[in-house]
Amino acid sequence: MSLAEYAKQHGLAKVGAREPLLSYIKHAWQRRDFAYVMALYTDQANSSRNRLGRWWLVLMPTLQAAVYGLIFGILLGGSRPDNFIPFLITGVFLFSFLQGAYVSGATSVTSNIGLVRSLSFPRILLPANALIQQVFSLLPQVALLVITLLLFQQQVTWNWLLLIPIILLMVIFGFGLATISARLTVHVQDLNKLNPFLTRIVFYVSGIFFSIETVLKDYPLAMQIASWNPVYVYISLARGAMVEGYSMTSNMWIAGTAWAFGMLLVGVVFFWKAEERYGREI
């Protein structure tokens, strides 16, 4: 009898062994407070290092929107999308959340290697913690988005309430994205060097400051491909709900839901598969 068989026969378990998937998810849910409290204290610590504290959560995307609005507003000229400022600020604010979910997820394990090596807990709580931090950042941005739309005289309708399920789909998608980037960065830490370029590419192909429909109107195949870009889908849904002159389609809702739950499933399984390797490859 081998030592492994002997240990198993007497109820001994391998330290850091990967649990079955459903048991793993159950234990992660039971310890969800760990991810929330960790995110809360990390957010407070990050804010305390800056003189303006949490104001930077709304100042940074606002400054980005102002710069993009000034530069691209002039460059695009008469080809600017209708209601350009509401169009732009909706795209910038929501993109910053998805970008943050990916980037912070990518460092969630590698930047907490001390916890990984010293404590036993489902490692998926680390990308969950990263996502919760991004949700903390998103909430004041959404409040500022609503205020901005009111200042630019966007008509308040019941469709504005659809922003709630849209954000929920984005959070689900963002969690799946964070788990994938977390595992990839553990295996290939050089990916962190490429992430700024990857996120810039996604920014420029997702119609944040221009209308994809206008640019690709003569290229139906390219437009069909672009319409399944998840960033474009979620931002288009938000614009359709809140910005005058834009609409939502059933295909957008189908695509947004498919991306959210598909990314969640793939991300959780992909991250769980490498549970035993976290802390050993870094």
Protein backbone atom coordinates (compact mmCIF):
# COMPACT_ATOMS: atom_id res chain seq x y z
CA MET A 1 0.00 0.00 0.00
CA SER A 2 1.35 3.42 -0.96
CA LEU A 3 1.54 6.33 1.48
CA ALA A 4 -1.17 8.16 -0.49
CA GLU A 5 -3.53 5.19 -0.25
CA TYR A 6 -2.75 4.76 3.45
CA ALA A 7 -3.47 8.43 4.15
CA LYS A 8 -6.73 8.31 2.19
CA GLN A 9 -7.82 5.16 4.00
CA HIS A 10 -7.35 6.90 7.37
CA GLY A 11 -9.17 10.10 6.41
CA LEU A 12 -6.10 12.23 5.80
CA ALA A 13 -6.28 14.81 3.02
CA LYS A 14 -3.51 16.37 1.00
CA VAL A 15 -2.69 19.93 2.09
CA GLY A 16 -3.93 22.40 -0.52
CA ALA A 17 -5.66 19.69 -2.52
CA ARG A 18 -8.32 20.78 -4.98
CA GLU A 19 -11.87 20.10 -3.82
CA PRO A 20 -14.63 18.91 -6.16
CA LEU A 21 -16.08 21.86 -8.03
CA LEU A 22 -19.44 22.06 -6.26
CA SER A 23 -17.83 21.70 -2.83
CA TYR A 24 -15.29 24.35 -3.80
CA ILE A 25 -18.01 26.81 -4.82
CA LYS A 26 -19.96 26.05 -1.62
CA HIS A 27 -16.94 26.76 0.61
CA ALA A 28 -16.11 29.92 -1.34
CA TRP A 29 -19.69 31.16 -0.83
CA GLN A 30 -19.53 30.37 2.89
CA ARG A 31 -16.41 32.53 3.15
CA ARG A 32 -17.68 35.37 0.98
CA ASP A 33 -17.35 37.75 3.95
CA PHE A 34 -13.59 37.32 3.68
CA ALA A 35 -13.58 38.72 0.15
CA TYR A 36 -15.93 41.58 1.07
CA VAL A 37 -14.04 42.67 4.20
CA MET A 38 -10.70 42.40 2.41
CA ALA A 39 -12.03 44.55 -0.44
CA LEU A 40 -13.46 47.08 2.03
CA TYR A 41 -10.20 47.52 3.93
CA THR A 42 -8.12 47.58 0.75
CA ASP A 43 -10.37 50.30 -0.66
CA GLN A 44 -10.06 52.33 2.54
CA ALA A 45 -6.28 51.89 2.57
CA ASN A 46 -5.96 52.98 -1.06
CA SER A 47 -8.14 56.04 -0.43
CA SER A 48 -6.18 57.07 2.67
CA ARG A 49 -2.95 57.30 0.67
CA ASN A 50 -4.30 60.14 -1.48
CA ARG A 51 -5.18 63.62 -0.35
CA LEU A 52 -8.48 63.54 -2.27
CA GLY A 53 -9.25 59.98 -1.18
CA ARG A 54 -12.32 58.44 -2.80
CA TRP A 55 -12.88 61.52 -4.95
CA TRP A 56 -10.37 60.01 -7.36
CA LEU A 57 -12.90 57.28 -8.11
CA VAL A 58 -14.99 59.82 -10.00
CA LEU A 59 -12.26 62.30 -10.90
CA MET A 60 -10.21 59.87 -12.99
CA PRO A 61 -12.98 58.70 -15.36
CA THR A 62 -14.33 62.27 -15.48
CA LEU A 63 -10.92 63.61 -16.54
CA GLN A 64 -10.59 60.82 -19.09
CA ALA A 65 -14.01 61.63 -20.53
CA ALA A 66 -13.11 65.34 -20.65
CA VAL A 67 -9.85 64.65 -22.51
CA TYR A 68 -11.47 62.22 -24.96
CA GLY A 69 -14.38 64.60 -25.45
CA LEU A 70 -12.07 67.51 -26.23
CA ILE A 71 -9.71 65.61 -28.53
CA PHE A 72 -12.09 63.29 -30.36
CA GLY A 73 -14.93 65.78 -30.31
CA ILE A 74 -12.76 68.07 -32.43
CA LEU A 75 -11.29 65.30 -34.60
CA LEU A 76 -14.64 63.70 -35.37
CA GLY A 77 -16.26 67.01 -36.20
CA GLY A 78 -19.65 66.56 -37.81
CA SER A 79 -19.37 62.77 -37.60
CA ARG A 80 -19.69 62.84 -33.82
CA PRO A 81 -22.44 60.56 -32.48
CA ASP A 82 -25.69 62.22 -31.40
CA ASN A 83 -25.72 63.45 -27.79
CA PHE A 84 -21.95 63.09 -27.85
CA ILE A 85 -21.17 63.94 -24.21
CA PRO A 86 -23.75 61.54 -22.68
CA PHE A 87 -22.71 58.97 -25.30
CA LEU A 88 -19.03 59.38 -24.38
CA ILE A 89 -19.30 59.50 -20.60
CA THR A 90 -21.53 56.41 -20.52
CA GLY A 91 -18.91 54.52 -22.50
CA VAL A 92 -15.92 55.76 -20.49
CA PHE A 93 -17.45 55.08 -17.06
CA LEU A 94 -18.67 51.56 -17.86
CA PHE A 95 -15.50 50.65 -19.71
CA SER A 96 -13.43 51.70 -16.69
CA PHE A 97 -15.29 49.10 -14.61
CA LEU A 98 -14.67 46.24 -17.05
CA GLN A 99 -11.07 47.31 -17.50
CA GLY A 100 -10.61 47.44 -13.74
CA ALA A 101 -12.13 43.96 -13.31
CA TYR A 102 -9.66 42.51 -15.79
CA VAL A 103 -6.55 44.37 -14.59
CA SER A 104 -7.17 44.03 -10.85
CA GLY A 105 -8.14 40.38 -11.34
CA ALA A 106 -4.82 39.81 -13.11
CA THR A 107 -2.88 40.82 -9.97
CA SER A 108 -5.29 39.43 -7.39
CA VAL A 109 -3.31 36.24 -6.75
CA THR A 110 0.24 37.40 -7.46
CA SER A 111 -0.08 40.48 -5.22
CA ASN A 112 -1.43 38.39 -2.31
CA ILE A 113 1.09 35.58 -2.47
CA GLY A 114 1.70 35.83 1.30
CA LEU A 115 -1.95 34.97 1.99
CA VAL A 116 -1.91 32.20 -0.60
CA ARG A 117 1.09 30.50 0.98
CA SER A 118 0.12 30.96 4.62
CA LEU A 119 -3.67 30.48 4.78
CA SER A 120 -6.03 27.78 3.56
CA PHE A 121 -9.05 29.18 1.73
CA PRO A 122 -10.61 28.94 -1.74
CA ARG A 123 -8.27 31.06 -3.88
CA ILE A 124 -11.19 32.21 -6.01
CA LEU A 125 -11.98 34.64 -3.21
CA LEU A 126 -9.01 36.73 -4.37
CA PRO A 127 -10.43 37.64 -7.82
CA ALA A 128 -13.79 38.04 -6.04
CA ASN A 129 -12.13 40.58 -3.74
CA ALA A 130 -10.69 42.38 -6.78
CA LEU A 131 -14.12 42.56 -8.40
CA ILE A 132 -15.80 43.87 -5.23
CA GLN A 133 -13.25 46.70 -5.14
CA GLN A 134 -14.26 47.61 -8.69
CA VAL A 135 -17.93 47.59 -7.69
CA PHE A 136 -17.08 50.02 -4.87
CA SER A 137 -15.52 52.27 -7.51
CA LEU A 138 -18.42 51.86 -9.94
CA LEU A 139 -21.20 52.99 -7.60
CA PRO A 140 -20.13 56.66 -7.27
CA GLN A 141 -19.38 56.71 -11.00
CA VAL A 142 -22.92 55.59 -11.77
CA ALA A 143 -24.25 58.38 -9.53
CA LEU A 144 -22.10 60.89 -11.43
CA LEU A 145 -23.27 59.41 -14.73
CA VAL A 146 -26.90 59.97 -13.77
CA ILE A 147 -26.15 63.56 -12.71
CA THR A 148 -24.31 64.23 -15.98
CA LEU A 149 -27.17 62.89 -18.07
CA LEU A 150 -29.60 65.11 -16.17
CA LEU A 151 -27.35 68.14 -16.73
CA PHE A 152 -27.37 67.43 -20.46
CA GLN A 153 -31.17 67.27 -20.37
CA GLN A 154 -31.59 63.59 -21.12
CA GLN A 155 -35.20 62.61 -20.60
CA VAL A 156 -35.76 60.41 -17.56
CA THR A 157 -37.76 57.31 -18.49
CA TRP A 158 -38.54 53.95 -16.94
CA ASN A 159 -35.81 52.52 -19.17
CA TRP A 160 -33.26 54.08 -16.82
CA LEU A 161 -34.10 51.31 -14.34
CA LEU A 162 -32.75 48.80 -16.88
CA LEU A 163 -29.29 50.03 -15.94
CA ILE A 164 -29.61 47.83 -12.82
CA PRO A 165 -29.80 44.47 -14.67
CA ILE A 166 -27.22 45.73 -17.16
CA ILE A 167 -24.77 46.40 -14.33
CA LEU A 168 -25.57 43.03 -12.76
CA LEU A 169 -24.71 41.31 -16.06
CA MET A 170 -21.49 43.35 -16.20
CA VAL A 171 -20.58 42.29 -12.65
CA ILE A 172 -21.15 38.61 -13.50
CA PHE A 173 -19.11 38.99 -16.69
CA GLY A 174 -16.42 40.93 -14.80
CA PHE A 175 -16.05 38.17 -12.21
CA GLY A 176 -15.52 35.56 -14.91
CA LEU A 177 -13.03 37.87 -16.60
CA ALA A 178 -11.16 38.44 -13.32
CA THR A 179 -10.82 34.71 -12.62
CA ILE A 180 -9.41 34.07 -16.10
CA SER A 181 -6.91 36.93 -15.93
CA ALA A 182 -5.92 35.87 -12.38
CA ARG A 183 -4.92 32.36 -13.46
CA LEU A 184 -3.25 33.46 -16.69
CA THR A 185 -1.06 35.95 -14.84
CA VAL A 186 0.00 33.31 -12.30
CA HIS A 187 1.32 31.15 -15.14
CA VAL A 188 2.66 34.00 -17.31
CA GLN A 189 3.50 37.01 -15.14
CA ASP A 190 4.78 38.91 -18.18
CA LEU A 191 1.13 39.26 -19.18
CA ASN A 192 0.93 42.21 -16.76
CA LYS A 193 3.26 44.10 -19.09
CA LEU A 194 0.89 43.54 -22.01
CA ASN A 195 -2.36 44.29 -20.20
CA PRO A 196 -2.26 48.09 -20.81
CA PHE A 197 -1.93 47.45 -24.55
CA LEU A 198 -4.67 44.82 -24.55
CA THR A 199 -7.11 47.10 -22.73
CA ARG A 200 -6.30 50.00 -25.08
CA ILE A 201 -7.05 47.81 -28.09
CA VAL A 202 -10.41 46.81 -26.59
CA PHE A 203 -11.11 50.48 -25.82
CA TYR A 204 -10.55 51.53 -29.42
CA VAL A 205 -12.60 48.73 -31.00
CA SER A 206 -15.60 48.99 -28.66
CA GLY A 207 -17.06 52.30 -29.84
CA ILE A 208 -16.38 54.25 -26.65
CA PHE A 209 -16.02 57.62 -28.41
CA PHE A 210 -17.37 56.86 -31.89
CA SER A 211 -20.33 55.09 -33.43
CA ILE A 212 -19.39 51.63 -34.66
CA GLU A 213 -22.59 51.53 -36.70
CA THR A 214 -21.47 54.62 -38.63
CA VAL A 215 -17.88 53.49 -39.16
CA LEU A 216 -18.80 49.94 -40.24
CA LYS A 217 -22.03 50.67 -42.12
CA ASP A 218 -20.44 49.59 -45.41
CA TYR A 219 -18.90 46.44 -43.89
CA PRO A 220 -21.79 44.22 -42.72
CA LEU A 221 -19.58 41.24 -41.79
CA ALA A 222 -17.28 43.39 -39.67
CA MET A 223 -20.32 45.01 -38.06
CA GLN A 224 -21.77 41.60 -37.24
CA ILE A 225 -18.51 40.53 -35.61
CA ALA A 226 -18.19 43.81 -33.69
CA SER A 227 -21.75 43.51 -32.41
CA TRP A 228 -20.74 40.43 -30.37
CA ASN A 229 -17.92 42.27 -28.60
CA PRO A 230 -19.09 42.04 -24.93
CA VAL A 231 -17.81 45.53 -24.04
CA TYR A 232 -19.69 47.00 -26.99
CA VAL A 233 -22.81 45.00 -26.03
CA TYR A 234 -22.97 46.22 -22.42
CA ILE A 235 -22.19 49.83 -23.28
CA SER A 236 -24.74 49.81 -26.10
CA LEU A 237 -27.37 48.44 -23.72
CA ALA A 238 -26.63 51.21 -21.23
CA ARG A 239 -26.79 53.87 -23.94
CA GLY A 240 -30.03 52.43 -25.22
CA ALA A 241 -31.49 52.60 -21.74
CA MET A 242 -30.34 56.12 -20.78
CA VAL A 243 -29.20 58.21 -23.76
CA GLU A 244 -31.72 59.73 -26.16
CA GLY A 245 -31.42 58.61 -29.76
CA TYR A 246 -30.19 55.10 -28.95
CA SER A 247 -32.09 51.87 -28.53
CA MET A 248 -31.71 48.33 -27.27
CA THR A 249 -32.48 45.16 -29.19
CA SER A 250 -33.33 41.66 -28.05
CA ASN A 251 -30.11 40.44 -29.64
CA MET A 252 -28.12 42.75 -27.37
CA TRP A 253 -29.83 41.31 -24.29
CA ILE A 254 -29.26 37.75 -25.52
CA ALA A 255 -25.60 38.49 -26.23
CA GLY A 256 -25.11 40.26 -22.90
CA THR A 257 -26.67 37.41 -20.93
CA ALA A 258 -24.75 34.75 -22.87
CA TRP A 259 -21.45 36.57 -22.34
CA ALA A 260 -22.10 37.07 -18.61
CA PHE A 261 -23.01 33.51 -17.67
CA GLY A 262 -20.71 31.94 -20.25
CA MET A 263 -17.73 33.90 -18.93
CA LEU A 264 -18.73 33.08 -15.35
CA LEU A 265 -18.85 29.33 -16.04
CA VAL A 266 -15.62 29.25 -18.04
CA GLY A 267 -13.82 31.50 -15.58
CA VAL A 268 -14.78 29.57 -12.44
CA VAL A 269 -13.88 26.17 -13.94
CA PHE A 270 -10.67 27.52 -15.49
CA PHE A 271 -9.55 29.05 -12.17
CA TRP A 272 -10.58 26.00 -10.11
CA LYS A 273 -8.59 23.64 -12.34
CA ALA A 274 -5.34 25.26 -11.15
CA GLU A 275 -6.28 25.59 -7.46
CA GLU A 276 -3.43 23.36 -6.29
CA ARG A 277 -0.84 25.32 -8.26
CA TYR A 278 -1.41 28.78 -6.79
CA GLY A 279 1.45 29.66 -4.49
CA ARG A 280 3.73 27.04 -6.04
CA GLU A 281 4.39 28.64 -9.41
CA ILE A 282 4.98 32.20 -8.20
